[in-house]
Structures are given as C-alpha cells and as structure tokens.
Amino acid sequence: MGKIDDTDMKILKELVNDASLSVPKLSKKINVNPSVVYSRIKRLIKRGLIKKFTVIVNEQLLGYNVDAIIGANVDSKRRAAVMDALLTLDQVRSVHEVTGRFDLLIFVKTRTLDELHNLISNKFAAIDGITHTETFVEMSSKTREPVYTLPK
C-alpha cells in the first residue's frame, strides 16, 4: 500500500475534523504547498484511506430524539438475510454482528418512544429469523473524533 507519512496524517486529521476545508485553507493550516496537499488527497482517495467526504446531520433538529441499541438473537441460517432486512428500515442506522449474549447489535434512531415500540413490535417482528430482542434506550452519550497515529 505504500508508506503513510506525517503529511498524510496531518491531512487526515484536518479532514476528519472538517471535510469541507478547501485545499488552500488546508495547506495553510498544515504549512504545506497546495499542489502537494491536492496530490496527497488524491493519492489517499485512490489508496482507499479516504472512503468519502460527507456531512453529519444533527438528527435531533429533524426530530429524531430517541436513540436505542437493540440486542437481537437470530436464526444462524438467516443471519445475513436478517441483517439485510434490518438495513431496509429507515430508523436503523447500523447493524453489527457480535460475540456475546446477542448475535446482532442494532443501532436505531426514532422520533418518539411510540415509534420505537412500533419499530420493534411490528417491523422487527415481521422479519423472519429474529428470535429475541432486548432494547436499551440511550439516556446520554459522548463521542469524540478518532485520533490516528503512524505505527512505530
């Protein structure tokens, strides 16, 4: 894959914090020539280190006030189909196959507790292969941006 250096890491750090930075602003911030920054970004994209540039929506301003994590047990023969079916539901943000007491952890956002109840009682219940669920409603959370370092 080639070597990642300090300049690449500086570019990644700044773009993780604000992907809308223009090349000239980014080059000033990290004190590197704009043409070098541009070519490095293109290289990072080509190598797959940068998957995409995106926005993070404040879902609370759209009314999505309930966050929940749902642990689910599923029929092992239907696991892939269950994961695919879950991802067709608008409220489902991600599905993770895990070890432990659940087979899947499903992260969802809904506008209300009634919508969450309907999601689990009706939509999840209609998916063939889900055998049991347990819901954890988020009371509060804290997140941070990832910090990347070069291997030593």
C-alpha atoms as a PDB file:
ATOM      1  CA  MET A   1       0.000   0.000   0.000  1.00  0.00           C
ATOM      2  CA  GLY A   2       2.951   2.328   0.348  1.00  0.00           C
ATOM      3  CA  LYS A   3       4.126   4.406   3.237  1.00  0.00           C
ATOM      4  CA  ILE A   4       1.956   6.907   5.076  1.00  0.00           C
ATOM      5  CA  ASP A   5       3.932   9.856   6.403  1.00  0.00           C
ATOM      6  CA  ASP A   6       3.395  12.777   8.774  1.00  0.00           C
ATOM      7  CA  THR A   7       1.989  14.981   5.986  1.00  0.00           C
ATOM      8  CA  ASP A   8      -0.637  12.349   5.138  1.00  0.00           C
ATOM      9  CA  MET A   9      -1.543  12.078   8.821  1.00  0.00           C
ATOM     10  CA  LYS A  10      -1.880  15.862   9.162  1.00  0.00           C
ATOM     11  CA  ILE A  11      -4.166  15.940   6.132  1.00  0.00           C
ATOM     12  CA  LEU A  12      -6.287  13.096   7.501  1.00  0.00           C
ATOM     13  CA  LYS A  13      -6.523  14.744  10.931  1.00  0.00           C
ATOM     14  CA  GLU A  14      -7.735  18.041   9.494  1.00  0.00           C
ATOM     15  CA  LEU A  15     -10.210  16.414   7.077  1.00  0.00           C
ATOM     16  CA  VAL A  16     -11.674  14.213   9.849  1.00  0.00           C
ATOM     17  CA  ASN A  17     -12.381  17.415  11.782  1.00  0.00           C
ATOM     18  CA  ASP A  18     -13.730  19.342   8.777  1.00  0.00           C
ATOM     19  CA  ALA A  19     -14.034  17.655   5.383  1.00  0.00           C
ATOM     20  CA  SER A  20     -15.253  20.912   3.832  1.00  0.00           C
ATOM     21  CA  LEU A  21     -11.822  22.557   4.124  1.00  0.00           C
ATOM     22  CA  SER A  22     -10.612  23.837   0.792  1.00  0.00           C
ATOM     23  CA  VAL A  23      -7.166  22.781  -0.375  1.00  0.00           C
ATOM     24  CA  PRO A  24      -5.764  26.331   0.035  1.00  0.00           C
ATOM     25  CA  LYS A  25      -7.085  26.593   3.633  1.00  0.00           C
ATOM     26  CA  LEU A  26      -5.877  23.109   4.471  1.00  0.00           C
ATOM     27  CA  SER A  27      -2.430  23.824   3.006  1.00  0.00           C
ATOM     28  CA  LYS A  28      -2.120  26.971   5.152  1.00  0.00           C
ATOM     29  CA  LYS A  29      -3.241  25.091   8.252  1.00  0.00           C
ATOM     30  CA  ILE A  30      -0.611  22.378   7.886  1.00  0.00           C
ATOM     31  CA  ASN A  31       2.010  24.593   6.200  1.00  0.00           C
ATOM     32  CA  VAL A  32       2.333  22.505   3.025  1.00  0.00           C
ATOM     33  CA  ASN A  33       2.190  23.677  -0.615  1.00  0.00           C
ATOM     34  CA  PRO A  34      -1.395  23.483  -2.023  1.00  0.00           C
ATOM     35  CA  SER A  35      -0.311  21.358  -5.001  1.00  0.00           C
ATOM     36  CA  VAL A  36       1.247  18.829  -2.615  1.00  0.00           C
ATOM     37  CA  VAL A  37      -1.915  18.765  -0.468  1.00  0.00           C
ATOM     38  CA  TYR A  38      -4.086  18.262  -3.558  1.00  0.00           C
ATOM     39  CA  SER A  39      -1.967  15.381  -4.863  1.00  0.00           C
ATOM     40  CA  ARG A  40      -1.776  13.779  -1.404  1.00  0.00           C
ATOM     41  CA  ILE A  41      -5.584  13.889  -1.031  1.00  0.00           C
ATOM     42  CA  LYS A  42      -5.996  12.306  -4.471  1.00  0.00           C
ATOM     43  CA  ARG A  43      -3.488   9.600  -3.510  1.00  0.00           C
ATOM     44  CA  LEU A  44      -5.227   8.949  -0.175  1.00  0.00           C
ATOM     45  CA  ILE A  45      -8.535   8.538  -2.032  1.00  0.00           C
ATOM     46  CA  LYS A  46      -7.006   6.244  -4.654  1.00  0.00           C
ATOM     47  CA  ARG A  47      -5.415   4.079  -1.949  1.00  0.00           C
ATOM     48  CA  GLY A  48      -8.731   3.796  -0.102  1.00  0.00           C
ATOM     49  CA  LEU A  49      -7.681   5.612   3.075  1.00  0.00           C
ATOM     50  CA  ILE A  50     -10.308   8.263   2.395  1.00  0.00           C
ATOM     51  CA  LYS A  51     -13.556   6.453   1.599  1.00  0.00           C
ATOM     52  CA  LYS A  52     -15.757   9.505   1.066  1.00  0.00           C
ATOM     53  CA  PHE A  53     -16.406  13.093   2.061  1.00  0.00           C
ATOM     54  CA  THR A  54     -19.714  13.514   3.862  1.00  0.00           C
ATOM     55  CA  VAL A  55     -21.814  15.611   6.234  1.00  0.00           C
ATOM     56  CA  ILE A  56     -23.025  14.753   9.704  1.00  0.00           C
ATOM     57  CA  VAL A  57     -26.662  15.718  10.139  1.00  0.00           C
ATOM     58  CA  ASN A  58     -27.938  16.924  13.514  1.00  0.00           C
ATOM     59  CA  GLU A  59     -30.773  14.393  13.632  1.00  0.00           C
ATOM     60  CA  GLN A  60     -32.273  15.933  16.780  1.00  0.00           C
ATOM     61  CA  LEU A  61     -33.116  19.052  14.757  1.00  0.00           C
ATOM     62  CA  LEU A  62     -35.060  16.732  12.422  1.00  0.00           C
ATOM     63  CA  GLY A  63     -36.966  15.343  15.411  1.00  0.00           C
ATOM     64  CA  TYR A  64     -35.045  12.095  15.954  1.00  0.00           C
ATOM     65  CA  ASN A  65     -34.876  12.307  19.750  1.00  0.00           C
ATOM     66  CA  VAL A  66     -34.744   8.632  20.755  1.00  0.00           C
ATOM     67  CA  ASP A  67     -31.541   6.615  20.334  1.00  0.00           C
ATOM     68  CA  ALA A  68     -31.605   2.925  21.132  1.00  0.00           C
ATOM     69  CA  ILE A  69     -29.414  -0.126  20.822  1.00  0.00           C
ATOM     70  CA  ILE A  70     -31.243  -3.383  20.283  1.00  0.00           C
ATOM     71  CA  GLY A  71     -29.598  -6.694  21.012  1.00  0.00           C
ATOM     72  CA  ALA A  72     -31.067  -9.438  18.838  1.00  0.00           C
ATOM     73  CA  ASN A  73     -30.731 -13.181  18.651  1.00  0.00           C
ATOM     74  CA  VAL A  74     -31.298 -14.648  15.213  1.00  0.00           C
ATOM     75  CA  ASP A  75     -31.527 -17.990  13.490  1.00  0.00           C
ATOM     76  CA  SER A  76     -27.936 -18.593  12.307  1.00  0.00           C
ATOM     77  CA  LYS A  77     -29.169 -19.757   8.877  1.00  0.00           C
ATOM     78  CA  ARG A  78     -30.990 -16.443   8.387  1.00  0.00           C
ATOM     79  CA  ARG A  79     -28.343 -14.068   9.806  1.00  0.00           C
ATOM     80  CA  ALA A  80     -27.341 -12.411   6.505  1.00  0.00           C
ATOM     81  CA  ALA A  81     -30.959 -12.071   5.378  1.00  0.00           C
ATOM     82  CA  VAL A  82     -31.946 -10.579   8.750  1.00  0.00           C
ATOM     83  CA  MET A  83     -29.118  -8.031   8.543  1.00  0.00           C
ATOM     84  CA  ASP A  84     -30.166  -7.067   5.008  1.00  0.00           C
ATOM     85  CA  ALA A  85     -33.832  -6.759   6.038  1.00  0.00           C
ATOM     86  CA  LEU A  86     -32.966  -4.584   9.035  1.00  0.00           C
ATOM     87  CA  LEU A  87     -30.983  -2.198   6.847  1.00  0.00           C
ATOM     88  CA  THR A  88     -34.085  -1.523   4.733  1.00  0.00           C
ATOM     89  CA  LEU A  89     -35.784   0.127   7.729  1.00  0.00           C
ATOM     90  CA  ASP A  90     -35.380   3.919   7.820  1.00  0.00           C
ATOM     91  CA  GLN A  91     -34.815   4.052  11.582  1.00  0.00           C
ATOM     92  CA  VAL A  92     -31.930   1.557  11.531  1.00  0.00           C
ATOM     93  CA  ARG A  93     -28.548   3.296  11.427  1.00  0.00           C
ATOM     94  CA  SER A  94     -26.252   0.252  11.618  1.00  0.00           C
ATOM     95  CA  VAL A  95     -26.249  -3.482  12.288  1.00  0.00           C
ATOM     96  CA  HIS A  96     -23.270  -5.259  13.844  1.00  0.00           C
ATOM     97  CA  GLU A  97     -22.667  -8.997  14.150  1.00  0.00           C
ATOM     98  CA  VAL A  98     -21.084  -9.513  17.572  1.00  0.00           C
ATOM     99  CA  THR A  99     -19.944 -12.089  20.085  1.00  0.00           C
ATOM    100  CA  GLY A 100     -21.604 -12.431  23.474  1.00  0.00           C
ATOM    101  CA  ARG A 101     -25.200 -12.893  24.507  1.00  0.00           C
ATOM    102  CA  PHE A 102     -26.603 -11.321  21.331  1.00  0.00           C
ATOM    103  CA  ASP A 103     -25.930 -12.197  17.714  1.00  0.00           C
ATOM    104  CA  LEU A 104     -26.559  -8.659  16.476  1.00  0.00           C
ATOM    105  CA  LEU A 105     -26.469  -5.144  17.884  1.00  0.00           C
ATOM    106  CA  ILE A 106     -28.788  -2.796  16.009  1.00  0.00           C
ATOM    107  CA  PHE A 107     -28.436   0.967  16.404  1.00  0.00           C
ATOM    108  CA  VAL A 108     -31.653   2.899  15.736  1.00  0.00           C
ATOM    109  CA  LYS A 109     -32.979   6.454  15.912  1.00  0.00           C
ATOM    110  CA  THR A 110     -36.673   7.279  16.221  1.00  0.00           C
ATOM    111  CA  ARG A 111     -38.675  10.412  16.862  1.00  0.00           C
ATOM    112  CA  THR A 112     -40.640   9.023  19.817  1.00  0.00           C
ATOM    113  CA  LEU A 113     -40.815   6.052  22.169  1.00  0.00           C
ATOM    114  CA  ASP A 114     -44.076   5.069  20.441  1.00  0.00           C
ATOM    115  CA  GLU A 115     -42.228   4.923  17.117  1.00  0.00           C
ATOM    116  CA  LEU A 116     -39.509   2.797  18.749  1.00  0.00           C
ATOM    117  CA  HIS A 117     -42.186   0.474  20.166  1.00  0.00           C
ATOM    118  CA  ASN A 118     -43.818   0.142  16.726  1.00  0.00           C
ATOM    119  CA  LEU A 119     -40.443  -0.498  15.100  1.00  0.00           C
ATOM    120  CA  ILE A 120     -39.660  -3.395  17.417  1.00  0.00           C
ATOM    121  CA  SER A 121     -43.159  -4.815  17.884  1.00  0.00           C
ATOM    122  CA  ASN A 122     -44.234  -4.675  14.256  1.00  0.00           C
ATOM    123  CA  LYS A 123     -41.348  -4.177  11.846  1.00  0.00           C
ATOM    124  CA  PHE A 124     -38.704  -6.274  13.626  1.00  0.00           C
ATOM    125  CA  ALA A 125     -41.320  -8.915  14.464  1.00  0.00           C
ATOM    126  CA  ALA A 126     -42.129  -9.247  10.757  1.00  0.00           C
ATOM    127  CA  ILE A 127     -38.528 -10.177   9.900  1.00  0.00           C
ATOM    128  CA  ASP A 128     -38.163 -13.937   9.597  1.00  0.00           C
ATOM    129  CA  GLY A 129     -35.232 -15.150  11.659  1.00  0.00           C
ATOM    130  CA  ILE A 130     -35.279 -12.758  14.632  1.00  0.00           C
ATOM    131  CA  THR A 131     -35.926 -14.924  17.687  1.00  0.00           C
ATOM    132  CA  HIS A 132     -35.444 -12.459  20.579  1.00  0.00           C
ATOM    133  CA  THR A 133     -34.689  -8.784  21.152  1.00  0.00           C
ATOM    134  CA  GLU A 134     -33.694  -6.652  24.110  1.00  0.00           C
ATOM    135  CA  THR A 135     -33.790  -2.876  23.837  1.00  0.00           C
ATOM    136  CA  PHE A 136     -31.506  -0.365  25.518  1.00  0.00           C
ATOM    137  CA  VAL A 137     -32.698   3.246  25.307  1.00  0.00           C
ATOM    138  CA  GLU A 138     -29.836   5.716  25.405  1.00  0.00           C
ATOM    139  CA  MET A 139     -30.006   8.164  28.285  1.00  0.00           C
ATOM    140  CA  SER A 140     -26.954  10.202  27.221  1.00  0.00           C
ATOM    141  CA  SER A 141     -23.776   9.736  25.232  1.00  0.00           C
ATOM    142  CA  LYS A 142     -20.430  11.308  24.494  1.00  0.00           C
ATOM    143  CA  THR A 143     -18.394  10.830  21.356  1.00  0.00           C
ATOM    144  CA  ARG A 144     -15.098  12.076  20.022  1.00  0.00           C
ATOM    145  CA  GLU A 145     -13.394  12.247  16.679  1.00  0.00           C
ATOM    146  CA  PRO A 146     -10.921   9.428  16.058  1.00  0.00           C
ATOM    147  CA  VAL A 147      -7.229  10.133  16.545  1.00  0.00           C
ATOM    148  CA  TYR A 148      -4.866   8.382  14.131  1.00  0.00           C
ATOM    149  CA  THR A 149      -1.131   7.948  14.594  1.00  0.00           C
ATOM    150  CA  LEU A 150       1.615   6.429  12.498  1.00  0.00           C
ATOM    151  CA  PRO A 151       2.736   2.942  13.523  1.00  0.00           C
ATOM    152  CA  LYS A 152       6.049   2.961  15.372  1.00  0.00           C
END
